[in-house]
Amino acid sequence: MGVFCGGFLRDTWDRATDRCFRFFPCLSDPARRSTLCLKVALVTLHLIFLGVLFALDRDLIVRTREDPWYTAIYLLLFVATLAQYFITSGTSPGYVLDAQKAVDERDALVRRTSVDTKQPASSKNGSVVITVDQNQSGRNYQRSNVTAWTKLVMDMYPPGSSIRNWTCTYCNVVQPPRAKHCHDCDKCVLQFDHHCVWLGTCIGQRNHCRFWWYILEETALCLWTSILYIVYLKYNISKTWWVDIIVILLLGTLSICLIFLLLLLLFHSYLIVTNQTTYELVRRRRVPYLRGVPQRVYPFSKGLCRNLYVFCCARNSILQMEPMPSPQELADMSRPYTCLDILSCRCF
């Protein structure tokens, strides 16, 4: 009888699961299902902290009636933080395959145009000049069928570099500098920083700025919520002991999250002003394109102001790729700063 009931329940569960997967195909993928569960958990935690605060703190409700702008700004920050979370998680980090497709399509279009006009054509995108005329190439390639993407990427590396050294064995695509294959997404990401489990996506060139703003908003929200919990405990610490225990546990959780968020915000702010990524900083000695670069030299840094501008304002295009600096440029970067360099804004 027990075996029969167990088989019946298992068949019922399988049919219900198949029906659920039929209506929601995203749940059939274990990775996407776990990501969705994490997002639901994060939103639920936010609602719990907010709900407990408004359910217990009567003084906050009175203050809301007297000064509605205070609570309105807090709720606006709460909604903006969750909105920024979903915007960041839904933004592509910038995949190498998408960039390759865009370059190859542009090359095919320019070839058709140049055949009609009989003129060489080139296109400039960000800090990369995309030259599509074969006669303009400064390198000799052993294969005549090398694509425009391969020529573009190999021109970013020092002379003598082999295509095989920079070809991803998983995607079979030539990686530009600062790109890396993510095993969680199973794609190569431009300017790979890290794979964020809570967001369910990689942090790369196109969403790193949004990720930083999300950390900033989450830090401000966590700090403000902690202050509200402390104010509640200050005036209501001796009324109901079990309520105080719940509030203290939630406040302790908020404090741990706040410390983590502050450290994460400072860490990524340091990466921004030096134009580095988490992968390059943590795995510097193992990153192939950073071998031979002095330890305290940031090869892609263009100065504080330029780094901030590129990070905040010049990342709309997927083709914002940075070539490796020449040996002379690396030698200049390794030279200590002088007063003349500061006056000439070399470090800014």
C-alpha atoms as a PDB file:
ATOM      1  CA  MET A   1       0.000   0.000   0.000  1.00  0.00           C
ATOM      2  CA  GLY A   2       2.815   2.376   0.869  1.00  0.00           C
ATOM      3  CA  VAL A   3       4.603   1.613  -2.384  1.00  0.00           C
ATOM      4  CA  PHE A   4       1.402   2.279  -4.327  1.00  0.00           C
ATOM      5  CA  CYS A   5       0.813   5.607  -2.565  1.00  0.00           C
ATOM      6  CA  GLY A   6       4.441   6.615  -3.098  1.00  0.00           C
ATOM      7  CA  GLY A   7       4.266   5.836  -6.819  1.00  0.00           C
ATOM      8  CA  PHE A   8       0.960   7.698  -7.142  1.00  0.00           C
ATOM      9  CA  LEU A   9       2.311  10.800  -5.420  1.00  0.00           C
ATOM     10  CA  ARG A  10       5.467  10.696  -7.528  1.00  0.00           C
ATOM     11  CA  ASP A  11       3.468  10.461 -10.759  1.00  0.00           C
ATOM     12  CA  THR A  12       1.192  13.286  -9.620  1.00  0.00           C
ATOM     13  CA  TRP A  13       4.211  15.443  -8.780  1.00  0.00           C
ATOM     14  CA  ASP A  14       5.842  14.714 -12.146  1.00  0.00           C
ATOM     15  CA  ARG A  15       2.674  15.623 -14.043  1.00  0.00           C
ATOM     16  CA  ALA A  16       2.299  18.847 -12.067  1.00  0.00           C
ATOM     17  CA  THR A  17       5.957  19.715 -12.680  1.00  0.00           C
ATOM     18  CA  ASP A  18       5.672  19.051 -16.412  1.00  0.00           C
ATOM     19  CA  ARG A  19       2.566  21.219 -16.586  1.00  0.00           C
ATOM     20  CA  CYS A  20       4.344  24.011 -14.681  1.00  0.00           C
ATOM     21  CA  PHE A  21       7.356  23.799 -16.998  1.00  0.00           C
ATOM     22  CA  ARG A  22       5.019  23.933 -20.003  1.00  0.00           C
ATOM     23  CA  PHE A  23       3.507  27.227 -18.854  1.00  0.00           C
ATOM     24  CA  PHE A  24       6.814  28.625 -17.515  1.00  0.00           C
ATOM     25  CA  PRO A  25       9.667  27.351 -19.743  1.00  0.00           C
ATOM     26  CA  CYS A  26      12.257  29.337 -17.780  1.00  0.00           C
ATOM     27  CA  LEU A  27      11.738  27.044 -14.779  1.00  0.00           C
ATOM     28  CA  SER A  28      12.869  23.971 -16.710  1.00  0.00           C
ATOM     29  CA  ASP A  29      16.493  25.195 -16.653  1.00  0.00           C
ATOM     30  CA  PRO A  30      18.059  24.494 -13.212  1.00  0.00           C
ATOM     31  CA  ALA A  31      20.375  27.514 -13.457  1.00  0.00           C
ATOM     32  CA  ARG A  32      17.557  29.909 -14.341  1.00  0.00           C
ATOM     33  CA  ARG A  33      15.349  28.330 -11.688  1.00  0.00           C
ATOM     34  CA  SER A  34      17.955  28.898  -8.976  1.00  0.00           C
ATOM     35  CA  THR A  35      18.475  32.475 -10.178  1.00  0.00           C
ATOM     36  CA  LEU A  36      14.737  33.113 -10.018  1.00  0.00           C
ATOM     37  CA  CYS A  37      14.604  31.686  -6.492  1.00  0.00           C
ATOM     38  CA  LEU A  38      17.439  33.989  -5.407  1.00  0.00           C
ATOM     39  CA  LYS A  39      15.657  37.021  -6.854  1.00  0.00           C
ATOM     40  CA  VAL A  40      12.425  36.083  -5.084  1.00  0.00           C
ATOM     41  CA  ALA A  41      14.357  35.589  -1.834  1.00  0.00           C
ATOM     42  CA  LEU A  42      16.061  38.987  -2.135  1.00  0.00           C
ATOM     43  CA  VAL A  43      12.781  40.810  -2.801  1.00  0.00           C
ATOM     44  CA  THR A  44      11.142  38.919   0.070  1.00  0.00           C
ATOM     45  CA  LEU A  45      13.914  39.984   2.465  1.00  0.00           C
ATOM     46  CA  HIS A  46      13.436  43.607   1.471  1.00  0.00           C
ATOM     47  CA  LEU A  47       9.689  43.361   2.065  1.00  0.00           C
ATOM     48  CA  ILE A  48      10.207  41.656   5.446  1.00  0.00           C
ATOM     49  CA  PHE A  49      12.515  44.407   6.723  1.00  0.00           C
ATOM     50  CA  LEU A  50      10.124  47.081   5.477  1.00  0.00           C
ATOM     51  CA  GLY A  51       6.971  45.340   6.714  1.00  0.00           C
ATOM     52  CA  VAL A  52       8.307  44.674  10.226  1.00  0.00           C
ATOM     53  CA  LEU A  53       9.396  48.284  10.526  1.00  0.00           C
ATOM     54  CA  PHE A  54       6.011  49.743   9.599  1.00  0.00           C
ATOM     55  CA  ALA A  55       4.089  47.098  11.556  1.00  0.00           C
ATOM     56  CA  LEU A  56       5.897  47.739  14.839  1.00  0.00           C
ATOM     57  CA  ASP A  57       7.027  51.350  14.786  1.00  0.00           C
ATOM     58  CA  ARG A  58       3.951  53.440  15.586  1.00  0.00           C
ATOM     59  CA  ASP A  59       6.133  56.531  15.934  1.00  0.00           C
ATOM     60  CA  LEU A  60       7.165  56.149  12.292  1.00  0.00           C
ATOM     61  CA  ILE A  61       3.510  56.124  11.257  1.00  0.00           C
ATOM     62  CA  VAL A  62       2.877  59.287  13.305  1.00  0.00           C
ATOM     63  CA  ARG A  63       5.939  60.924  11.748  1.00  0.00           C
ATOM     64  CA  THR A  64       4.649  59.933   8.309  1.00  0.00           C
ATOM     65  CA  ARG A  65       1.383  61.757   8.975  1.00  0.00           C
ATOM     66  CA  GLU A  66       3.201  64.843  10.242  1.00  0.00           C
ATOM     67  CA  ASP A  67       6.035  64.819   7.695  1.00  0.00           C
ATOM     68  CA  PRO A  68       5.064  62.634   4.710  1.00  0.00           C
ATOM     69  CA  TRP A  69       8.119  63.661   2.678  1.00  0.00           C
ATOM     70  CA  TYR A  70      10.464  61.765   5.006  1.00  0.00           C
ATOM     71  CA  THR A  71       8.700  58.444   4.472  1.00  0.00           C
ATOM     72  CA  ALA A  72       8.058  59.211   0.808  1.00  0.00           C
ATOM     73  CA  ILE A  73      11.785  59.654   0.131  1.00  0.00           C
ATOM     74  CA  TYR A  74      12.546  56.438   2.009  1.00  0.00           C
ATOM     75  CA  LEU A  75       9.952  54.477   0.027  1.00  0.00           C
ATOM     76  CA  LEU A  76      11.230  56.057  -3.189  1.00  0.00           C
ATOM     77  CA  LEU A  77      14.751  54.827  -2.368  1.00  0.00           C
ATOM     78  CA  PHE A  78      13.304  51.388  -1.601  1.00  0.00           C
ATOM     79  CA  VAL A  79      11.531  51.170  -4.973  1.00  0.00           C
ATOM     80  CA  ALA A  80      14.520  52.642  -6.848  1.00  0.00           C
ATOM     81  CA  THR A  81      16.862  50.063  -5.313  1.00  0.00           C
ATOM     82  CA  LEU A  82      14.696  47.134  -6.367  1.00  0.00           C
ATOM     83  CA  ALA A  83      14.203  48.672  -9.820  1.00  0.00           C
ATOM     84  CA  GLN A  84      17.967  49.129 -10.212  1.00  0.00           C
ATOM     85  CA  TYR A  85      18.468  45.515  -9.145  1.00  0.00           C
ATOM     86  CA  PHE A  86      16.201  44.164 -11.881  1.00  0.00           C
ATOM     87  CA  ILE A  87      17.574  46.592 -14.484  1.00  0.00           C
ATOM     88  CA  THR A  88      21.130  45.489 -13.713  1.00  0.00           C
ATOM     89  CA  SER A  89      20.249  41.790 -13.746  1.00  0.00           C
ATOM     90  CA  GLY A  90      18.461  42.192 -17.076  1.00  0.00           C
ATOM     91  CA  THR A  91      21.262  44.139 -18.785  1.00  0.00           C
ATOM     92  CA  SER A  92      23.700  42.251 -20.970  1.00  0.00           C
ATOM     93  CA  PRO A  93      27.290  42.456 -19.699  1.00  0.00           C
ATOM     94  CA  GLY A  94      28.544  42.616 -23.291  1.00  0.00           C
ATOM     95  CA  TYR A  95      29.290  39.291 -24.912  1.00  0.00           C
ATOM     96  CA  VAL A  96      32.209  38.756 -27.263  1.00  0.00           C
ATOM     97  CA  LEU A  97      30.044  36.825 -29.733  1.00  0.00           C
ATOM     98  CA  ASP A  98      27.689  39.822 -30.054  1.00  0.00           C
ATOM     99  CA  ALA A  99      30.647  42.138 -30.644  1.00  0.00           C
ATOM    100  CA  GLN A 100      32.085  39.750 -33.258  1.00  0.00           C
ATOM    101  CA  LYS A 101      28.770  39.594 -35.058  1.00  0.00           C
ATOM    102  CA  ALA A 102      28.486  43.391 -35.091  1.00  0.00           C
ATOM    103  CA  VAL A 103      32.025  43.840 -36.450  1.00  0.00           C
ATOM    104  CA  ASP A 104      31.623  41.183 -39.136  1.00  0.00           C
ATOM    105  CA  GLU A 105      28.268  42.596 -40.243  1.00  0.00           C
ATOM    106  CA  ARG A 106      29.723  46.096 -40.401  1.00  0.00           C
ATOM    107  CA  ASP A 107      32.697  44.781 -42.365  1.00  0.00           C
ATOM    108  CA  ALA A 108      30.392  43.101 -44.885  1.00  0.00           C
ATOM    109  CA  LEU A 109      28.352  46.292 -45.230  1.00  0.00           C
ATOM    110  CA  VAL A 110      31.445  48.465 -45.651  1.00  0.00           C
ATOM    111  CA  ARG A 111      32.871  46.059 -48.213  1.00  0.00           C
ATOM    112  CA  ARG A 112      29.745  46.384 -50.329  1.00  0.00           C
ATOM    113  CA  THR A 113      29.884  50.159 -49.953  1.00  0.00           C
ATOM    114  CA  SER A 114      33.599  50.385 -50.764  1.00  0.00           C
ATOM    115  CA  VAL A 115      33.134  48.254 -53.867  1.00  0.00           C
ATOM    116  CA  ASP A 116      30.610  50.771 -55.130  1.00  0.00           C
ATOM    117  CA  THR A 117      32.637  53.851 -54.203  1.00  0.00           C
ATOM    118  CA  LYS A 118      36.115  52.330 -54.884  1.00  0.00           C
ATOM    119  CA  GLN A 119      37.395  53.888 -51.678  1.00  0.00           C
ATOM    120  CA  PRO A 120      38.818  52.277 -48.540  1.00  0.00           C
ATOM    121  CA  ALA A 121      36.572  52.671 -45.552  1.00  0.00           C
ATOM    122  CA  SER A 122      37.176  52.721 -41.883  1.00  0.00           C
ATOM    123  CA  SER A 123      34.982  53.135 -38.856  1.00  0.00           C
ATOM    124  CA  LYS A 124      35.865  54.497 -35.476  1.00  0.00           C
ATOM    125  CA  ASN A 125      34.044  53.247 -32.448  1.00  0.00           C
ATOM    126  CA  GLY A 126      35.159  54.513 -29.022  1.00  0.00           C
ATOM    127  CA  SER A 127      38.844  53.930 -28.532  1.00  0.00           C
ATOM    128  CA  VAL A 128      39.134  51.391 -31.367  1.00  0.00           C
ATOM    129  CA  VAL A 129      39.595  52.208 -35.034  1.00  0.00           C
ATOM    130  CA  ILE A 130      37.997  49.467 -37.117  1.00  0.00           C
ATOM    131  CA  THR A 131      39.836  49.241 -40.420  1.00  0.00           C
ATOM    132  CA  VAL A 132      38.112  47.031 -42.967  1.00  0.00           C
ATOM    133  CA  ASP A 133      40.313  47.529 -45.998  1.00  0.00           C
ATOM    134  CA  GLN A 134      42.680  44.543 -46.223  1.00  0.00           C
ATOM    135  CA  ASN A 135      45.438  46.673 -47.706  1.00  0.00           C
ATOM    136  CA  GLN A 136      45.403  48.840 -44.584  1.00  0.00           C
ATOM    137  CA  SER A 137      46.387  46.010 -42.258  1.00  0.00           C
ATOM    138  CA  GLY A 138      49.833  46.351 -40.720  1.00  0.00           C
ATOM    139  CA  ARG A 139      50.226  42.614 -40.024  1.00  0.00           C
ATOM    140  CA  ASN A 140      50.785  39.602 -42.166  1.00  0.00           C
ATOM    141  CA  TYR A 141      48.374  36.762 -41.427  1.00  0.00           C
ATOM    142  CA  GLN A 142      49.079  33.249 -42.545  1.00  0.00           C
ATOM    143  CA  ARG A 143      45.453  32.651 -43.496  1.00  0.00           C
ATOM    144  CA  SER A 144      43.718  34.686 -46.159  1.00  0.00           C
ATOM    145  CA  ASN A 145      40.236  34.005 -44.747  1.00  0.00           C
ATOM    146  CA  VAL A 146      40.816  35.785 -41.443  1.00  0.00           C
ATOM    147  CA  THR A 147      37.691  37.681 -40.444  1.00  0.00           C
ATOM    148  CA  ALA A 148      37.487  41.384 -39.685  1.00  0.00           C
ATOM    149  CA  TRP A 149      36.990  40.575 -36.013  1.00  0.00           C
ATOM    150  CA  THR A 150      40.199  38.531 -35.862  1.00  0.00           C
ATOM    151  CA  LYS A 151      42.222  41.285 -37.513  1.00  0.00           C
ATOM    152  CA  LEU A 152      40.705  43.885 -35.215  1.00  0.00           C
ATOM    153  CA  VAL A 153      41.439  41.908 -32.055  1.00  0.00           C
ATOM    154  CA  MET A 154      44.950  40.809 -33.022  1.00  0.00           C
ATOM    155  CA  ASP A 155      45.914  44.418 -33.726  1.00  0.00           C
ATOM    156  CA  MET A 156      45.218  45.109 -30.043  1.00  0.00           C
ATOM    157  CA  TYR A 157      47.928  42.704 -28.909  1.00  0.00           C
ATOM    158  CA  PRO A 158      51.707  43.188 -29.188  1.00  0.00           C
ATOM    159  CA  PRO A 159      53.305  42.180 -32.493  1.00  0.00           C
ATOM    160  CA  GLY A 160      54.153  38.517 -32.747  1.00  0.00           C
ATOM    161  CA  SER A 161      51.109  37.340 -30.787  1.00  0.00           C
ATOM    162  CA  SER A 162      49.552  34.113 -31.980  1.00  0.00           C
ATOM    163  CA  ILE A 163      45.840  33.803 -32.694  1.00  0.00           C
ATOM    164  CA  ARG A 164      45.819  30.433 -30.963  1.00  0.00           C
ATOM    165  CA  ASN A 165      46.907  31.980 -27.651  1.00  0.00           C
ATOM    166  CA  TRP A 166      43.886  34.291 -27.549  1.00  0.00           C
ATOM    167  CA  THR A 167      41.201  31.959 -28.919  1.00  0.00           C
ATOM    168  CA  CYS A 168      38.636  30.690 -26.426  1.00  0.00           C
ATOM    169  CA  THR A 169      38.498  26.895 -26.441  1.00  0.00           C
ATOM    170  CA  TYR A 170      34.825  26.944 -25.428  1.00  0.00           C
ATOM    171  CA  CYS A 171      33.363  29.617 -27.734  1.00  0.00           C
ATOM    172  CA  ASN A 172      35.990  29.266 -30.496  1.00  0.00           C
ATOM    173  CA  VAL A 173      36.241  33.039 -30.765  1.00  0.00           C
ATOM    174  CA  VAL A 174      39.284  35.306 -30.532  1.00  0.00           C
ATOM    175  CA  GLN A 175      39.128  37.200 -27.245  1.00  0.00           C
ATOM    176  CA  PRO A 176      40.102  40.874 -27.106  1.00  0.00           C
ATOM    177  CA  PRO A 177      42.110  42.123 -24.138  1.00  0.00           C
ATOM    178  CA  ARG A 178      40.205  42.060 -20.813  1.00  0.00           C
ATOM    179  CA  ALA A 179      37.695  39.468 -22.066  1.00  0.00           C
ATOM    180  CA  LYS A 180      37.188  36.150 -20.288  1.00  0.00           C
ATOM    181  CA  HIS A 181      34.986  33.091 -20.654  1.00  0.00           C
ATOM    182  CA  CYS A 182      32.391  32.744 -17.891  1.00  0.00           C
ATOM    183  CA  HIS A 183      31.645  29.113 -17.109  1.00  0.00           C
ATOM    184  CA  ASP A 184      28.347  30.011 -15.416  1.00  0.00           C
ATOM    185  CA  CYS A 185      26.990  31.889 -18.444  1.00  0.00           C
ATOM    186  CA  ASP A 186      28.998  29.733 -20.893  1.00  0.00           C
ATOM    187  CA  LYS A 187      29.925  32.857 -22.875  1.00  0.00           C
ATOM    188  CA  CYS A 188      32.928  35.129 -23.263  1.00  0.00           C
ATOM    189  CA  VAL A 189      32.337  38.513 -21.639  1.00  0.00           C
ATOM    190  CA  LEU A 190      33.945  41.810 -22.614  1.00  0.00           C
ATOM    191  CA  GLN A 191      35.887  43.373 -19.727  1.00  0.00           C
ATOM    192  CA  PHE A 192      34.856  40.552 -17.430  1.00  0.00           C
ATOM    193  CA  ASP A 193      34.644  41.540 -13.758  1.00  0.00           C
ATOM    194  CA  HIS A 194      32.919  38.633 -12.015  1.00  0.00           C
ATOM    195  CA  HIS A 195      29.789  36.500 -12.099  1.00  0.00           C
ATOM    196  CA  CYS A 196      27.251  37.787  -9.580  1.00  0.00           C
ATOM    197  CA  VAL A 197      25.137  34.990  -8.111  1.00  0.00           C
ATOM    198  CA  TRP A 198      22.529  37.348  -6.668  1.00  0.00           C
ATOM    199  CA  LEU A 199      21.994  39.065  -9.994  1.00  0.00           C
ATOM    200  CA  GLY A 200      22.195  35.842 -11.961  1.00  0.00           C
ATOM    201  CA  THR A 201      24.445  37.383 -14.599  1.00  0.00           C
ATOM    202  CA  CYS A 202      28.019  38.424 -15.273  1.00  0.00           C
ATOM    203  CA  ILE A 203      29.293  41.903 -14.503  1.00  0.00           C
ATOM    204  CA  GLY A 204      31.098  43.195 -17.547  1.00  0.00           C
ATOM    205  CA  GLN A 205      31.587  46.221 -19.715  1.00  0.00           C
ATOM    206  CA  ARG A 206      27.953  47.128 -20.310  1.00  0.00           C
ATOM    207  CA  ASN A 207      26.475  46.651 -16.824  1.00  0.00           C
ATOM    208  CA  HIS A 208      29.360  47.429 -14.452  1.00  0.00           C
ATOM    209  CA  CYS A 209      28.206  51.029 -14.094  1.00  0.00           C
ATOM    210  CA  ARG A 210      24.653  49.928 -13.285  1.00  0.00           C
ATOM    211  CA  PHE A 211      26.047  47.423 -10.804  1.00  0.00           C
ATOM    212  CA  TRP A 212      27.953  50.177  -8.982  1.00  0.00           C
ATOM    213  CA  TRP A 213      24.828  52.338  -8.758  1.00  0.00           C
ATOM    214  CA  TYR A 214      22.876  49.373  -7.417  1.00  0.00           C
ATOM    215  CA  ILE A 215      25.486  48.822  -4.674  1.00  0.00           C
ATOM    216  CA  LEU A 216      25.337  52.518  -3.784  1.00  0.00           C
ATOM    217  CA  GLU A 217      21.531  52.516  -3.546  1.00  0.00           C
ATOM    218  CA  GLU A 218      21.493  49.257  -1.596  1.00  0.00           C
ATOM    219  CA  THR A 219      24.068  50.639   0.838  1.00  0.00           C
ATOM    220  CA  ALA A 220      22.063  53.843   1.379  1.00  0.00           C
ATOM    221  CA  LEU A 221      18.849  51.845   1.882  1.00  0.00           C
ATOM    222  CA  CYS A 222      20.517  49.460   4.331  1.00  0.00           C
ATOM    223  CA  LEU A 223      22.013  52.349   6.315  1.00  0.00           C
ATOM    224  CA  TRP A 224      18.702  54.241   6.473  1.00  0.00           C
ATOM    225  CA  THR A 225      16.798  51.120   7.525  1.00  0.00           C
ATOM    226  CA  SER A 226      19.360  50.392  10.255  1.00  0.00           C
ATOM    227  CA  ILE A 227      18.925  53.912  11.617  1.00  0.00           C
ATOM    228  CA  LEU A 228      15.137  53.450  11.732  1.00  0.00           C
ATOM    229  CA  TYR A 229      15.533  50.162  13.613  1.00  0.00           C
ATOM    230  CA  ILE A 230      17.948  51.775  16.106  1.00  0.00           C
ATOM    231  CA  VAL A 231      15.508  54.643  16.705  1.00  0.00           C
ATOM    232  CA  TYR A 232      12.728  52.139  17.322  1.00  0.00           C
ATOM    233  CA  LEU A 233      14.801  50.206  19.879  1.00  0.00           C
ATOM    234  CA  LYS A 234      15.803  53.436  21.603  1.00  0.00           C
ATOM    235  CA  TYR A 235      12.217  54.347  22.474  1.00  0.00           C
ATOM    236  CA  ASN A 236      10.596  50.880  22.665  1.00  0.00           C
ATOM    237  CA  ILE A 237      13.269  48.605  24.145  1.00  0.00           C
ATOM    238  CA  SER A 238      11.332  47.555  27.272  1.00  0.00           C
ATOM    239  CA  LYS A 239       7.767  47.121  26.017  1.00  0.00           C
ATOM    240  CA  THR A 240       7.609  43.591  24.564  1.00  0.00           C
ATOM    241  CA  TRP A 241      10.616  41.319  24.946  1.00  0.00           C
ATOM    242  CA  TRP A 242       9.883  38.963  22.015  1.00  0.00           C
ATOM    243  CA  VAL A 243       9.430  41.914  19.661  1.00  0.00           C
ATOM    244  CA  ASP A 244      12.748  43.326  20.824  1.00  0.00           C
ATOM    245  CA  ILE A 245      14.460  40.008  20.049  1.00  0.00           C
ATOM    246  CA  ILE A 246      13.054  40.009  16.507  1.00  0.00           C
ATOM    247  CA  VAL A 247      14.124  43.603  15.930  1.00  0.00           C
ATOM    248  CA  ILE A 248      17.611  42.971  17.344  1.00  0.00           C
ATOM    249  CA  LEU A 249      18.075  39.939  15.090  1.00  0.00           C
ATOM    250  CA  LEU A 250      16.981  41.935  12.056  1.00  0.00           C
ATOM    251  CA  LEU A 251      19.246  44.822  13.064  1.00  0.00           C
ATOM    252  CA  GLY A 252      22.190  42.433  13.425  1.00  0.00           C
ATOM    253  CA  THR A 253      21.506  41.080   9.932  1.00  0.00           C
ATOM    254  CA  LEU A 254      21.322  44.613   8.578  1.00  0.00           C
ATOM    255  CA  SER A 255      24.632  45.503  10.234  1.00  0.00           C
ATOM    256  CA  ILE A 256      26.396  42.538   8.620  1.00  0.00           C
ATOM    257  CA  CYS A 257      24.906  43.417   5.226  1.00  0.00           C
ATOM    258  CA  LEU A 258      25.877  47.070   5.668  1.00  0.00           C
ATOM    259  CA  ILE A 259      29.512  46.221   6.406  1.00  0.00           C
ATOM    260  CA  PHE A 260      29.659  43.925   3.385  1.00  0.00           C
ATOM    261  CA  LEU A 261      28.028  46.516   1.108  1.00  0.00           C
ATOM    262  CA  LEU A 262      30.341  49.298   2.273  1.00  0.00           C
ATOM    263  CA  LEU A 263      33.426  47.184   1.620  1.00  0.00           C
ATOM    264  CA  LEU A 264      32.056  46.131  -1.769  1.00  0.00           C
ATOM    265  CA  LEU A 265      31.277  49.759  -2.674  1.00  0.00           C
ATOM    266  CA  LEU A 266      34.764  50.934  -1.711  1.00  0.00           C
ATOM    267  CA  PHE A 267      36.374  48.031  -3.552  1.00  0.00           C
ATOM    268  CA  HIS A 268      34.561  48.695  -6.828  1.00  0.00           C
ATOM    269  CA  SER A 269      35.157  52.440  -6.484  1.00  0.00           C
ATOM    270  CA  TYR A 270      38.879  51.671  -6.312  1.00  0.00           C
ATOM    271  CA  LEU A 271      38.557  49.483  -9.417  1.00  0.00           C
ATOM    272  CA  ILE A 272      36.801  52.306 -11.262  1.00  0.00           C
ATOM    273  CA  VAL A 273      39.386  55.019 -10.555  1.00  0.00           C
ATOM    274  CA  THR A 274      42.229  52.674 -11.567  1.00  0.00           C
ATOM    275  CA  ASN A 275      40.349  51.120 -14.522  1.00  0.00           C
ATOM    276  CA  GLN A 276      40.695  47.552 -13.311  1.00  0.00           C
ATOM    277  CA  THR A 277      38.358  44.616 -12.904  1.00  0.00           C
ATOM    278  CA  THR A 278      37.955  42.158 -10.054  1.00  0.00           C
ATOM    279  CA  TYR A 279      39.334  39.381 -12.237  1.00  0.00           C
ATOM    280  CA  GLU A 280      42.422  41.400 -13.170  1.00  0.00           C
ATOM    281  CA  LEU A 281      43.116  42.415  -9.573  1.00  0.00           C
ATOM    282  CA  VAL A 282      42.582  39.027  -7.935  1.00  0.00           C
ATOM    283  CA  ARG A 283      44.135  36.879 -10.685  1.00  0.00           C
ATOM    284  CA  ARG A 284      46.728  39.362 -11.932  1.00  0.00           C
ATOM    285  CA  ARG A 285      49.596  36.876 -12.042  1.00  0.00           C
ATOM    286  CA  ARG A 286      47.484  34.322 -13.899  1.00  0.00           C
ATOM    287  CA  VAL A 287      45.943  36.671 -16.488  1.00  0.00           C
ATOM    288  CA  PRO A 288      47.804  36.019 -19.769  1.00  0.00           C
ATOM    289  CA  TYR A 289      47.673  39.565 -21.144  1.00  0.00           C
ATOM    290  CA  LEU A 290      49.036  41.023 -17.868  1.00  0.00           C
ATOM    291  CA  ARG A 291      52.162  38.901 -17.825  1.00  0.00           C
ATOM    292  CA  GLY A 292      55.184  41.105 -18.060  1.00  0.00           C
ATOM    293  CA  VAL A 293      53.342  44.150 -16.709  1.00  0.00           C
ATOM    294  CA  PRO A 294      54.927  45.547 -13.513  1.00  0.00           C
ATOM    295  CA  GLN A 295      52.976  44.785 -10.348  1.00  0.00           C
ATOM    296  CA  ARG A 296      51.948  48.343  -9.440  1.00  0.00           C
ATOM    297  CA  VAL A 297      51.214  49.471 -12.973  1.00  0.00           C
ATOM    298  CA  TYR A 298      47.624  49.748 -14.175  1.00  0.00           C
ATOM    299  CA  PRO A 299      48.022  49.213 -17.922  1.00  0.00           C
ATOM    300  CA  PHE A 300      44.524  50.404 -18.880  1.00  0.00           C
ATOM    301  CA  SER A 301      44.343  53.437 -16.602  1.00  0.00           C
ATOM    302  CA  LYS A 302      44.052  56.783 -18.384  1.00  0.00           C
ATOM    303  CA  GLY A 303      44.003  58.977 -15.286  1.00  0.00           C
ATOM    304  CA  LEU A 304      41.300  59.551 -12.690  1.00  0.00           C
ATOM    305  CA  CYS A 305      39.046  61.902 -14.677  1.00  0.00           C
ATOM    306  CA  ARG A 306      39.327  59.929 -17.904  1.00  0.00           C
ATOM    307  CA  ASN A 307      38.628  56.654 -16.114  1.00  0.00           C
ATOM    308  CA  LEU A 308      35.500  58.088 -14.503  1.00  0.00           C
ATOM    309  CA  TYR A 309      34.307  59.507 -17.816  1.00  0.00           C
ATOM    310  CA  VAL A 310      34.797  56.224 -19.662  1.00  0.00           C
ATOM    311  CA  PHE A 311      33.101  54.270 -16.892  1.00  0.00           C
ATOM    312  CA  CYS A 312      30.058  56.547 -16.545  1.00  0.00           C
ATOM    313  CA  CYS A 313      29.559  58.136 -19.953  1.00  0.00           C
ATOM    314  CA  ALA A 314      31.346  56.195 -22.707  1.00  0.00           C
ATOM    315  CA  ARG A 315      30.030  52.665 -22.275  1.00  0.00           C
ATOM    316  CA  ASN A 316      26.942  52.698 -24.451  1.00  0.00           C
ATOM    317  CA  SER A 317      28.626  50.831 -27.288  1.00  0.00           C
ATOM    318  CA  ILE A 318      29.537  47.184 -27.138  1.00  0.00           C
ATOM    319  CA  LEU A 319      32.755  47.891 -29.058  1.00  0.00           C
ATOM    320  CA  GLN A 320      34.533  49.926 -26.375  1.00  0.00           C
ATOM    321  CA  MET A 321      37.619  47.736 -26.404  1.00  0.00           C
ATOM    322  CA  GLU A 322      41.035  48.802 -25.169  1.00  0.00           C
ATOM    323  CA  PRO A 323      44.275  47.643 -26.830  1.00  0.00           C
ATOM    324  CA  MET A 324      47.279  46.566 -24.840  1.00  0.00           C
ATOM    325  CA  PRO A 325      49.691  49.441 -24.190  1.00  0.00           C
ATOM    326  CA  SER A 326      53.044  49.432 -25.925  1.00  0.00           C
ATOM    327  CA  PRO A 327      56.307  48.771 -24.015  1.00  0.00           C
ATOM    328  CA  GLN A 328      57.066  52.500 -24.092  1.00  0.00           C
ATOM    329  CA  GLU A 329      53.680  53.319 -22.571  1.00  0.00           C
ATOM    330  CA  LEU A 330      54.208  50.708 -19.851  1.00  0.00           C
ATOM    331  CA  ALA A 331      57.611  52.227 -19.094  1.00  0.00           C
ATOM    332  CA  ASP A 332      56.007  55.668 -18.754  1.00  0.00           C
ATOM    333  CA  MET A 333      53.315  54.254 -16.453  1.00  0.00           C
ATOM    334  CA  SER A 334      55.905  52.596 -14.207  1.00  0.00           C
ATOM    335  CA  ARG A 335      57.760  55.872 -13.757  1.00  0.00           C
ATOM    336  CA  PRO A 336      56.974  57.512 -10.365  1.00  0.00           C
ATOM    337  CA  TYR A 337      54.891  60.671 -10.386  1.00  0.00           C
ATOM    338  CA  THR A 338      56.632  64.008 -10.002  1.00  0.00           C
ATOM    339  CA  CYS A 339      55.345  67.478  -9.185  1.00  0.00           C
ATOM    340  CA  LEU A 340      55.458  68.301 -12.894  1.00  0.00           C
ATOM    341  CA  ASP A 341      53.263  65.282 -13.640  1.00  0.00           C
ATOM    342  CA  ILE A 342      50.694  66.459 -11.097  1.00  0.00           C
ATOM    343  CA  LEU A 343      50.700  69.987 -12.513  1.00  0.00           C
ATOM    344  CA  SER A 344      50.295  68.601 -16.037  1.00  0.00           C
ATOM    345  CA  CYS A 345      47.422  66.361 -14.830  1.00  0.00           C
ATOM    346  CA  ARG A 346      49.221  63.161 -15.769  1.00  0.00           C
ATOM    347  CA  CYS A 347      47.686  61.328 -12.782  1.00  0.00           C
ATOM    348  CA  PHE A 348      44.256  62.871 -13.336  1.00  0.00           C
END
